[in-house]
PDB file of N, CA and C in Angstrom:
ATOM      1  N   MET A   1      34.472  15.169   5.720  1.00  0.00           N
ATOM      2  CA  MET A   1      33.596  13.758   5.579  1.00  0.00           C
ATOM      3  C   MET A   1      31.896  13.587   6.491  1.00  0.00           C
ATOM      4  N   PHE A   2      31.646  15.216   6.324  1.00  0.00           N
ATOM      5  CA  PHE A   2      30.245  14.682   6.879  1.00  0.00           C
ATOM      6  C   PHE A   2      29.611  15.384   5.983  1.00  0.00           C
ATOM      7  N   GLY A   3      30.345  16.234   5.355  1.00  0.00           N
ATOM      8  CA  GLY A   3      29.916  16.809   3.445  1.00  0.00           C
ATOM      9  C   GLY A   3      29.476  15.503   2.870  1.00  0.00           C
ATOM     10  N   ASP A   4      30.856  14.829   2.299  1.00  0.00           N
ATOM     11  CA  ASP A   4      30.370  12.908   2.021  1.00  0.00           C
ATOM     12  C   ASP A   4      29.250  12.450   2.522  1.00  0.00           C
ATOM     13  N   LEU A   5      29.007  12.858   3.790  1.00  0.00           N
ATOM     14  CA  LEU A   5      27.747  11.351   5.029  1.00  0.00           C
ATOM     15  C   LEU A   5      26.631  12.462   4.426  1.00  0.00           C
ATOM     16  N   PHE A   6      26.361  14.377   4.205  1.00  0.00           N
ATOM     17  CA  PHE A   6      25.611  14.946   4.172  1.00  0.00           C
ATOM     18  C   PHE A   6      24.694  14.390   2.851  1.00  0.00           C
ATOM     19  N   GLY A   7      25.991  14.521   1.676  1.00  0.00           N
ATOM     20  CA  GLY A   7      25.625  13.974   0.376  1.00  0.00           C
ATOM     21  C   GLY A   7      24.545  12.429   0.511  1.00  0.00           C
ATOM     22  N   LYS A   8      25.332  11.474   1.067  1.00  0.00           N
ATOM     23  CA  LYS A   8      24.922  10.537   0.699  1.00  0.00           C
ATOM     24  C   LYS A   8      23.082  10.351   1.754  1.00  0.00           C
ATOM     25  N   LEU A   9      23.354  11.098   2.389  1.00  0.00           N
ATOM     26  CA  LEU A   9      21.845  11.845   3.327  1.00  0.00           C
ATOM     27  C   LEU A   9      20.814  12.098   2.495  1.00  0.00           C
ATOM     28  N   GLN A  10      20.687  12.759   1.395  1.00  0.00           N
ATOM     29  CA  GLN A  10      19.960  13.406   1.185  1.00  0.00           C
ATOM     30  C   GLN A  10      19.859  12.687  -0.222  1.00  0.00           C
ATOM     31  N   GLU A  11      20.924  11.277  -0.465  1.00  0.00           N
ATOM     32  CA  GLU A  11      20.469  10.689  -1.066  1.00  0.00           C
ATOM     33  C   GLU A  11      19.762   9.988  -0.780  1.00  0.00           C
ATOM     34  N   ALA A  12      20.030   9.520   0.051  1.00  0.00           N
ATOM     35  CA  ALA A  12      18.697   8.366   0.988  1.00  0.00           C
ATOM     36  C   ALA A  12      17.906   8.919   1.055  1.00  0.00           C
ATOM     37  N   GLN A  13      17.373  10.113   0.674  1.00  0.00           N
ATOM     38  CA  GLN A  13      15.989  10.555   1.558  1.00  0.00           C
ATOM     39  C   GLN A  13      16.114  11.150   0.277  1.00  0.00           C
ATOM     40  N   GLN A  14      16.038  10.796  -1.444  1.00  0.00           N
ATOM     41  CA  GLN A  14      15.582  11.115  -2.397  1.00  0.00           C
ATOM     42  C   GLN A  14      15.306   9.513  -3.113  1.00  0.00           C
ATOM     43  N   LYS A  15      16.284   8.635  -2.806  1.00  0.00           N
ATOM     44  CA  LYS A  15      15.407   7.811  -2.862  1.00  0.00           C
ATOM     45  C   LYS A  15      14.450   6.986  -2.568  1.00  0.00           C
ATOM     46  N   MET A  16      13.529   7.337  -1.053  1.00  0.00           N
ATOM     47  CA  MET A  16      12.811   6.850  -0.405  1.00  0.00           C
ATOM     48  C   MET A  16      11.680   7.583  -1.138  1.00  0.00           C
ATOM     49  N   GLN A  17      11.411   9.206  -1.555  1.00  0.00           N
ATOM     50  CA  GLN A  17      10.859   9.416  -2.255  1.00  0.00           C
ATOM     51  C   GLN A  17      10.156   9.212  -3.747  1.00  0.00           C
ATOM     52  N   GLU A  18      11.607   8.835  -3.636  1.00  0.00           N
ATOM     53  CA  GLU A  18      11.183   7.965  -5.522  1.00  0.00           C
ATOM     54  C   GLU A  18      10.341   6.589  -5.230  1.00  0.00           C
ATOM     55  N   GLY A  19      10.968   5.864  -3.946  1.00  0.00           N
ATOM     56  CA  GLY A  19      10.179   4.466  -3.651  1.00  0.00           C
ATOM     57  C   GLY A  19       8.804   4.794  -3.309  1.00  0.00           C
ATOM     58  N   LYS A  20       8.139   5.881  -2.582  1.00  0.00           N
ATOM     59  CA  LYS A  20       6.867   5.945  -2.444  1.00  0.00           C
ATOM     60  C   LYS A  20       6.045   6.907  -3.721  1.00  0.00           C
ATOM     61  N   GLN A  21       6.990   7.672  -4.531  1.00  0.00           N
ATOM     62  CA  GLN A  21       6.436   7.352  -5.829  1.00  0.00           C
ATOM     63  C   GLN A  21       5.993   6.423  -6.890  1.00  0.00           C
ATOM     64  N   LYS A  22       6.518   5.464  -6.640  1.00  0.00           N
ATOM     65  CA  LYS A  22       6.638   4.216  -7.392  1.00  0.00           C
ATOM     66  C   LYS A  22       4.862   3.594  -6.667  1.00  0.00           C
ATOM     67  N   LEU A  23       5.718   3.950  -5.631  1.00  0.00           N
ATOM     68  CA  LEU A  23       3.932   2.873  -4.838  1.00  0.00           C
ATOM     69  C   LEU A  23       3.038   4.006  -4.655  1.00  0.00           C
ATOM     70  N   GLY A  24       2.599   4.658  -4.992  1.00  0.00           N
ATOM     71  CA  GLY A  24       2.212   5.097  -5.137  1.00  0.00           C
ATOM     72  C   GLY A  24       1.381   5.058  -6.483  1.00  0.00           C
ATOM     73  N   ALA A  25       1.798   4.681  -7.097  1.00  0.00           N
ATOM     74  CA  ALA A  25       1.921   3.910  -8.224  1.00  0.00           C
ATOM     75  C   ALA A  25       0.851   2.275  -8.703  1.00  0.00           C
ATOM     76  N   VAL A  26       1.209   1.675  -7.923  1.00  0.00           N
ATOM     77  CA  VAL A  26       0.389   0.056  -7.997  1.00  0.00           C
ATOM     78  C   VAL A  26      -0.679   0.460  -6.924  1.00  0.00           C
ATOM     79  N   ILE A  27      -0.819  -0.793  -7.960  1.00  0.00           N
ATOM     80  CA  ILE A  27      -2.577  -0.992  -7.443  1.00  0.00           C
ATOM     81  C   ILE A  27      -2.825  -2.281  -6.510  1.00  0.00           C
ATOM     82  N   ILE A  28      -2.863  -2.387  -5.335  1.00  0.00           N
ATOM     83  CA  ILE A  28      -3.276  -3.518  -5.044  1.00  0.00           C
ATOM     84  C   ILE A  28      -5.258  -3.482  -4.496  1.00  0.00           C
ATOM     85  N   ASP A  29      -5.143  -5.391  -4.483  1.00  0.00           N
ATOM     86  CA  ASP A  29      -6.778  -5.791  -4.529  1.00  0.00           C
ATOM     87  C   ASP A  29      -7.175  -5.909  -2.906  1.00  0.00           C
ATOM     88  N   GLY A  30      -7.894  -6.290  -2.726  1.00  0.00           N
ATOM     89  CA  GLY A  30      -8.141  -6.984  -1.851  1.00  0.00           C
ATOM     90  C   GLY A  30      -9.127  -7.150  -2.141  1.00  0.00           C
ATOM     91  N   ASP A  31     -10.784  -8.303  -1.749  1.00  0.00           N
ATOM     92  CA  ASP A  31     -12.250  -9.171  -1.647  1.00  0.00           C
ATOM     93  C   ASP A  31     -12.531  -9.453  -0.138  1.00  0.00           C
ATOM     94  N   ALA A  32     -14.275 -10.274  -0.516  1.00  0.00           N
ATOM     95  CA  ALA A  32     -14.660 -10.478   0.071  1.00  0.00           C
ATOM     96  C   ALA A  32     -16.040 -11.003  -0.053  1.00  0.00           C
ATOM     97  N   GLY A  33     -16.021 -11.656   0.655  1.00  0.00           N
ATOM     98  CA  GLY A  33     -17.144 -12.351   0.419  1.00  0.00           C
ATOM     99  C   GLY A  33     -17.138 -13.125  -1.524  1.00  0.00           C
ATOM    100  N   ASN A  34     -16.232 -13.515  -1.505  1.00  0.00           N
ATOM    101  CA  ASN A  34     -16.471 -14.620  -2.644  1.00  0.00           C
ATOM    102  C   ASN A  34     -15.971 -13.270  -4.153  1.00  0.00           C
ATOM    103  N   GLY A  35     -15.404 -12.553  -4.261  1.00  0.00           N
ATOM    104  CA  GLY A  35     -15.715 -11.342  -4.473  1.00  0.00           C
ATOM    105  C   GLY A  35     -17.038 -10.016  -4.873  1.00  0.00           C
ATOM    106  N   LEU A  36     -17.909 -10.148  -4.187  1.00  0.00           N
ATOM    107  CA  LEU A  36     -18.782  -9.303  -3.966  1.00  0.00           C
ATOM    108  C   LEU A  36     -18.618  -8.205  -3.406  1.00  0.00           C
ATOM    109  N   VAL A  37     -17.420  -7.911  -2.984  1.00  0.00           N
ATOM    110  CA  VAL A  37     -17.158  -6.641  -3.037  1.00  0.00           C
ATOM    111  C   VAL A  37     -15.357  -6.775  -2.679  1.00  0.00           C
ATOM    112  N   LYS A  38     -15.035  -5.877  -3.816  1.00  0.00           N
ATOM    113  CA  LYS A  38     -13.711  -4.980  -4.577  1.00  0.00           C
ATOM    114  C   LYS A  38     -13.436  -4.231  -3.685  1.00  0.00           C
ATOM    115  N   VAL A  39     -11.777  -3.912  -3.433  1.00  0.00           N
ATOM    116  CA  VAL A  39     -11.271  -2.367  -3.412  1.00  0.00           C
ATOM    117  C   VAL A  39      -9.978  -2.747  -3.829  1.00  0.00           C
ATOM    118  N   SER A  40      -9.765  -1.221  -4.631  1.00  0.00           N
ATOM    119  CA  SER A  40      -8.168  -1.370  -4.683  1.00  0.00           C
ATOM    120  C   SER A  40      -7.898  -0.059  -4.525  1.00  0.00           C
ATOM    121  N   VAL A  41      -6.009  -0.479  -4.172  1.00  0.00           N
ATOM    122  CA  VAL A  41      -5.386   1.074  -3.432  1.00  0.00           C
ATOM    123  C   VAL A  41      -4.276   0.975  -3.665  1.00  0.00           C
ATOM    124  N   THR A  42      -3.686   2.160  -3.352  1.00  0.00           N
ATOM    125  CA  THR A  42      -2.407   1.757  -3.778  1.00  0.00           C
ATOM    126  C   THR A  42      -1.152   1.066  -2.897  1.00  0.00           C
ATOM    127  N   GLY A  43       0.656   1.238  -3.790  1.00  0.00           N
ATOM    128  CA  GLY A  43       0.412   0.896  -2.787  1.00  0.00           C
ATOM    129  C   GLY A  43       1.142   2.298  -1.014  1.00  0.00           C
ATOM    130  N   ASN A  44       0.909   3.542  -1.163  1.00  0.00           N
ATOM    131  CA  ASN A  44       0.463   4.059  -0.617  1.00  0.00           C
ATOM    132  C   ASN A  44      -0.605   4.429   0.251  1.00  0.00           C
ATOM    133  N   ARG A  45      -1.250   2.541   0.706  1.00  0.00           N
ATOM    134  CA  ARG A  45      -2.551   2.889   1.373  1.00  0.00           C
ATOM    135  C   ARG A  45      -3.571   3.527   0.084  1.00  0.00           C
ATOM    136  N   GLU A  46      -3.599   4.405  -0.119  1.00  0.00           N
ATOM    137  CA  GLU A  46      -5.030   5.817  -0.577  1.00  0.00           C
ATOM    138  C   GLU A  46      -5.936   4.047  -1.600  1.00  0.00           C
ATOM    139  N   VAL A  47      -6.870   4.008  -0.837  1.00  0.00           N
ATOM    140  CA  VAL A  47      -8.142   4.074  -1.319  1.00  0.00           C
ATOM    141  C   VAL A  47      -8.566   3.942  -2.599  1.00  0.00           C
ATOM    142  N   LYS A  48      -8.394   3.408  -3.786  1.00  0.00           N
ATOM    143  CA  LYS A  48      -8.968   3.934  -5.377  1.00  0.00           C
ATOM    144  C   LYS A  48     -10.183   3.437  -5.521  1.00  0.00           C
ATOM    145  N   THR A  49     -10.883   2.911  -5.309  1.00  0.00           N
ATOM    146  CA  THR A  49     -11.536   2.027  -5.597  1.00  0.00           C
ATOM    147  C   THR A  49     -12.811   0.757  -4.615  1.00  0.00           C
ATOM    148  N   ILE A  50     -13.857   1.055  -5.389  1.00  0.00           N
ATOM    149  CA  ILE A  50     -14.259   0.162  -4.243  1.00  0.00           C
ATOM    150  C   ILE A  50     -15.825  -0.608  -5.335  1.00  0.00           C
ATOM    151  N   SER A  51     -15.988  -1.206  -4.994  1.00  0.00           N
ATOM    152  CA  SER A  51     -16.551  -1.532  -6.173  1.00  0.00           C
ATOM    153  C   SER A  51     -17.484  -3.183  -5.730  1.00  0.00           C
ATOM    154  N   ILE A  52     -18.974  -3.458  -5.179  1.00  0.00           N
ATOM    155  CA  ILE A  52     -19.987  -3.602  -4.707  1.00  0.00           C
ATOM    156  C   ILE A  52     -20.642  -4.673  -4.717  1.00  0.00           C
ATOM    157  N   ASP A  53     -21.416  -5.998  -5.959  1.00  0.00           N
ATOM    158  CA  ASP A  53     -22.175  -6.212  -6.124  1.00  0.00           C
ATOM    159  C   ASP A  53     -23.440  -5.721  -5.680  1.00  0.00           C
ATOM    160  N   ASN A  54     -24.252  -5.568  -7.089  1.00  0.00           N
ATOM    161  CA  ASN A  54     -25.709  -5.649  -6.693  1.00  0.00           C
ATOM    162  C   ASN A  54     -26.120  -6.422  -5.717  1.00  0.00           C
ATOM    163  N   GLN A  55     -26.233  -7.772  -5.547  1.00  0.00           N
ATOM    164  CA  GLN A  55     -26.877  -8.534  -5.095  1.00  0.00           C
ATOM    165  C   GLN A  55     -27.069  -7.805  -3.215  1.00  0.00           C
ATOM    166  N   LEU A  56     -26.541  -7.376  -3.104  1.00  0.00           N
ATOM    167  CA  LEU A  56     -26.103  -6.857  -1.850  1.00  0.00           C
ATOM    168  C   LEU A  56     -25.997  -5.486  -1.722  1.00  0.00           C
ATOM    169  N   MET A  57     -27.077  -4.705  -2.204  1.00  0.00           N
ATOM    170  CA  MET A  57     -27.205  -3.513  -2.084  1.00  0.00           C
ATOM    171  C   MET A  57     -28.807  -3.848  -2.222  1.00  0.00           C
ATOM    172  N   THR A  58     -29.735  -4.247  -0.929  1.00  0.00           N
ATOM    173  CA  THR A  58     -30.696  -4.508  -0.864  1.00  0.00           C
ATOM    174  C   THR A  58     -31.260  -4.146   1.614  1.00  0.00           C
ATOM    175  N   PRO A  59     -31.782  -3.234   1.806  1.00  0.00           N
ATOM    176  CA  PRO A  59     -31.546  -2.783   2.907  1.00  0.00           C
ATOM    177  C   PRO A  59     -31.210  -4.652   3.972  1.00  0.00           C
ATOM    178  N   ASP A  60     -32.169  -5.802   3.805  1.00  0.00           N
ATOM    179  CA  ASP A  60     -31.273  -7.034   5.007  1.00  0.00           C
ATOM    180  C   ASP A  60     -30.550  -6.895   4.535  1.00  0.00           C
ATOM    181  N   ARG A  61     -29.480  -7.398   3.431  1.00  0.00           N
ATOM    182  CA  ARG A  61     -28.007  -6.765   3.423  1.00  0.00           C
ATOM    183  C   ARG A  61     -27.323  -6.178   4.529  1.00  0.00           C
ATOM    184  N   LYS A  62     -27.824  -4.913   4.720  1.00  0.00           N
ATOM    185  CA  LYS A  62     -26.781  -4.484   4.893  1.00  0.00           C
ATOM    186  C   LYS A  62     -25.453  -4.422   6.194  1.00  0.00           C
ATOM    187  N   GLU A  63     -26.480  -4.773   6.781  1.00  0.00           N
ATOM    188  CA  GLU A  63     -25.212  -5.798   7.961  1.00  0.00           C
ATOM    189  C   GLU A  63     -23.682  -6.773   6.917  1.00  0.00           C
ATOM    190  N   GLU A  64     -23.810  -7.302   6.351  1.00  0.00           N
ATOM    191  CA  GLU A  64     -23.652  -8.305   5.448  1.00  0.00           C
ATOM    192  C   GLU A  64     -22.286  -7.557   4.912  1.00  0.00           C
ATOM    193  N   LEU A  65     -22.839  -6.219   3.963  1.00  0.00           N
ATOM    194  CA  LEU A  65     -22.849  -5.495   3.035  1.00  0.00           C
ATOM    195  C   LEU A  65     -21.630  -4.949   3.662  1.00  0.00           C
ATOM    196  N   GLU A  66     -21.632  -4.252   5.092  1.00  0.00           N
ATOM    197  CA  GLU A  66     -20.109  -3.137   6.095  1.00  0.00           C
ATOM    198  C   GLU A  66     -19.911  -4.501   6.915  1.00  0.00           C
ATOM    199  N   ASP A  67     -19.834  -5.739   7.063  1.00  0.00           N
ATOM    200  CA  ASP A  67     -18.543  -6.796   6.882  1.00  0.00           C
ATOM    201  C   ASP A  67     -17.973  -6.781   6.393  1.00  0.00           C
ATOM    202  N   LEU A  68     -18.255  -7.121   4.529  1.00  0.00           N
ATOM    203  CA  LEU A  68     -17.969  -7.796   3.526  1.00  0.00           C
ATOM    204  C   LEU A  68     -17.251  -6.505   3.175  1.00  0.00           C
ATOM    205  N   LEU A  69     -17.679  -5.514   3.429  1.00  0.00           N
ATOM    206  CA  LEU A  69     -16.618  -3.477   2.602  1.00  0.00           C
ATOM    207  C   LEU A  69     -15.429  -3.539   3.852  1.00  0.00           C
ATOM    208  N   ILE A  70     -15.826  -4.123   5.387  1.00  0.00           N
ATOM    209  CA  ILE A  70     -14.417  -4.204   5.826  1.00  0.00           C
ATOM    210  C   ILE A  70     -13.448  -5.459   5.816  1.00  0.00           C
ATOM    211  N   THR A  71     -13.750  -6.303   5.618  1.00  0.00           N
ATOM    212  CA  THR A  71     -13.032  -7.254   5.407  1.00  0.00           C
ATOM    213  C   THR A  71     -12.225  -7.579   4.080  1.00  0.00           C
ATOM    214  N   ALA A  72     -12.553  -6.697   2.797  1.00  0.00           N
ATOM    215  CA  ALA A  72     -12.634  -6.608   1.949  1.00  0.00           C
ATOM    216  C   ALA A  72     -11.402  -5.371   1.861  1.00  0.00           C
ATOM    217  N   LEU A  73     -11.178  -4.031   2.961  1.00  0.00           N
ATOM    218  CA  LEU A  73     -10.762  -3.088   3.290  1.00  0.00           C
ATOM    219  C   LEU A  73      -9.749  -3.276   4.011  1.00  0.00           C
ATOM    220  N   ASN A  74      -9.439  -4.430   5.013  1.00  0.00           N
ATOM    221  CA  ASN A  74      -8.257  -4.403   5.897  1.00  0.00           C
ATOM    222  C   ASN A  74      -6.646  -5.502   4.428  1.00  0.00           C
ATOM    223  N   ARG A  75      -8.018  -6.410   3.904  1.00  0.00           N
ATOM    224  CA  ARG A  75      -7.276  -7.171   3.294  1.00  0.00           C
ATOM    225  C   ARG A  75      -6.327  -6.677   2.106  1.00  0.00           C
ATOM    226  N   ALA A  76      -7.516  -5.451   1.424  1.00  0.00           N
ATOM    227  CA  ALA A  76      -6.296  -4.884   0.313  1.00  0.00           C
ATOM    228  C   ALA A  76      -5.163  -3.766   1.456  1.00  0.00           C
ATOM    229  N   LEU A  77      -5.724  -2.633   2.757  1.00  0.00           N
ATOM    230  CA  LEU A  77      -4.373  -2.433   3.511  1.00  0.00           C
ATOM    231  C   LEU A  77      -3.164  -3.079   3.704  1.00  0.00           C
ATOM    232  N   LYS A  78      -3.935  -4.344   4.463  1.00  0.00           N
ATOM    233  CA  LYS A  78      -2.737  -5.169   4.955  1.00  0.00           C
ATOM    234  C   LYS A  78      -1.854  -5.702   3.276  1.00  0.00           C
ATOM    235  N   ASN A  79      -2.850  -6.040   2.303  1.00  0.00           N
ATOM    236  CA  ASN A  79      -1.785  -6.611   0.812  1.00  0.00           C
ATOM    237  C   ASN A  79      -0.526  -4.879   0.687  1.00  0.00           C
ATOM    238  N   ALA A  80      -1.243  -4.098   1.024  1.00  0.00           N
ATOM    239  CA  ALA A  80      -0.528  -3.099   0.488  1.00  0.00           C
ATOM    240  C   ALA A  80       0.294  -2.493   1.441  1.00  0.00           C
ATOM    241  N   GLU A  81       0.075  -2.535   2.495  1.00  0.00           N
ATOM    242  CA  GLU A  81       1.992  -1.737   4.116  1.00  0.00           C
ATOM    243  C   GLU A  81       2.857  -3.387   3.468  1.00  0.00           C
ATOM    244  N   GLU A  82       2.422  -4.863   3.340  1.00  0.00           N
ATOM    245  CA  GLU A  82       3.632  -5.710   2.552  1.00  0.00           C
ATOM    246  C   GLU A  82       4.553  -5.434   1.486  1.00  0.00           C
ATOM    247  N   ALA A  83       3.303  -4.574   1.154  1.00  0.00           N
ATOM    248  CA  ALA A  83       4.333  -4.210  -0.465  1.00  0.00           C
ATOM    249  C   ALA A  83       5.372  -3.091  -0.160  1.00  0.00           C
ATOM    250  N   TYR A  84       4.661  -2.013   1.356  1.00  0.00           N
ATOM    251  CA  TYR A  84       5.622  -0.515   0.918  1.00  0.00           C
ATOM    252  C   TYR A  84       6.525  -1.670   2.809  1.00  0.00           C
ATOM    253  N   GLU A  85       6.718  -2.331   2.727  1.00  0.00           N
ATOM    254  CA  GLU A  85       7.496  -2.389   3.551  1.00  0.00           C
ATOM    255  C   GLU A  85       8.272  -3.181   2.881  1.00  0.00           C
ATOM    256  N   ASP A  86       8.192  -4.027   1.436  1.00  0.00           N
ATOM    257  CA  ASP A  86       9.458  -4.412   1.449  1.00  0.00           C
ATOM    258  C   ASP A  86       9.552  -3.186   0.149  1.00  0.00           C
ATOM    259  N   GLU A  87       9.398  -2.162  -0.612  1.00  0.00           N
ATOM    260  CA  GLU A  87      10.253  -1.783  -1.307  1.00  0.00           C
ATOM    261  C   GLU A  87      11.046  -0.428  -0.307  1.00  0.00           C
ATOM    262  N   MET A  88      10.528  -0.897   1.384  1.00  0.00           N
ATOM    263  CA  MET A  88      11.139   0.526   1.952  1.00  0.00           C
ATOM    264  C   MET A  88      12.995   0.029   2.595  1.00  0.00           C
ATOM    265  N   LYS A  89      12.358  -1.946   2.303  1.00  0.00           N
ATOM    266  CA  LYS A  89      13.772  -2.513   3.285  1.00  0.00           C
ATOM    267  C   LYS A  89      14.943  -3.152   1.844  1.00  0.00           C
ATOM    268  N   GLY A  90      14.184  -2.170   1.055  1.00  0.00           N
ATOM    269  CA  GLY A  90      15.176  -2.420  -0.413  1.00  0.00           C
ATOM    270  C   GLY A  90      15.605  -1.488  -0.582  1.00  0.00           C
ATOM    271  N   LEU A  91      15.267   0.235   0.288  1.00  0.00           N
ATOM    272  CA  LEU A  91      15.321   0.440  -0.598  1.00  0.00           C
ATOM    273  C   LEU A  91      16.600   1.802   1.102  1.00  0.00           C
ATOM    274  N   ALA A  92      15.722   0.969   2.489  1.00  0.00           N
ATOM    275  CA  ALA A  92      17.090   0.681   3.239  1.00  0.00           C
ATOM    276  C   ALA A  92      18.432   0.121   2.534  1.00  0.00           C
ATOM    277  N   GLY A  93      18.125  -1.227   2.587  1.00  0.00           N
ATOM    278  CA  GLY A  93      19.735  -2.122   2.527  1.00  0.00           C
ATOM    279  C   GLY A  93      20.178  -1.789   1.326  1.00  0.00           C
ATOM    280  N   GLY A  94      19.752  -0.761   0.122  1.00  0.00           N
ATOM    281  CA  GLY A  94      20.473   0.120  -0.976  1.00  0.00           C
ATOM    282  C   GLY A  94      21.420   1.492   0.036  1.00  0.00           C
ATOM    283  N   MET A  95      20.528   2.048   0.863  1.00  0.00           N
ATOM    284  CA  MET A  95      21.419   3.235   1.282  1.00  0.00           C
ATOM    285  C   MET A  95      22.238   2.549   2.274  1.00  0.00           C
ATOM    286  N   LEU A  96      22.460   1.546   3.625  1.00  0.00           N
ATOM    287  CA  LEU A  96      22.559   1.449   4.554  1.00  0.00           C
ATOM    288  C   LEU A  96      24.638   1.159   3.499  1.00  0.00           C
ATOM    289  N   GLY A  97      24.244   0.460   2.193  1.00  0.00           N
ATOM    290  CA  GLY A  97      25.732  -0.201   2.011  1.00  0.00           C
ATOM    291  C   GLY A  97      25.666   1.376   1.383  1.00  0.00           C
ATOM    292  N   GLY A  98      25.528   1.856   0.951  1.00  0.00           N
ATOM    293  CA  GLY A  98      25.677   3.081   0.669  1.00  0.00           C
ATOM    294  C   GLY A  98      26.738   4.161   1.214  1.00  0.00           C
ATOM    295  N   LEU A  99      25.961   4.251   2.797  1.00  0.00           N
ATOM    296  CA  LEU A  99      26.733   4.763   3.631  1.00  0.00           C
ATOM    297  C   LEU A  99      27.954   3.445   4.596  1.00  0.00           C
ATOM    298  N   GLY A 100      28.298   3.104   3.652  1.00  0.00           N
ATOM    299  CA  GLY A 100      29.348   1.770   4.542  1.00  0.00           C
ATOM    300  C   GLY A 100      29.598   2.585   5.722  1.00  0.00           C
ATOM    301  N   LEU A 101      27.844   1.544   5.969  1.00  0.00           N
ATOM    302  CA  LEU A 101      27.103   1.465   7.483  1.00  0.00           C
ATOM    303  C   LEU A 101      27.302  -0.434   7.804  1.00  0.00           C
TER     304      LEU A 101
END
């Protein structure tokens, strides 16, 4: 009985790892200022790219740039968190069914 449960737990752990690897390949975007600042992150919430429009690259727009960068990052990370949760929910549902719970 415990051997079967242990095997299912190992299988569940493997599926979780595969889900995390899958999320690492998913790119999720966030932007602010009508696209003046764009951020791309993976489904595992790792920042991959930041793009800043040249018109924001002046000393008098420094504070605006900082605010837009924070907004874009937060949007991208929120979207990545939702993708991560969706992936993990799907895996958890499959695992619980496989454990007979």
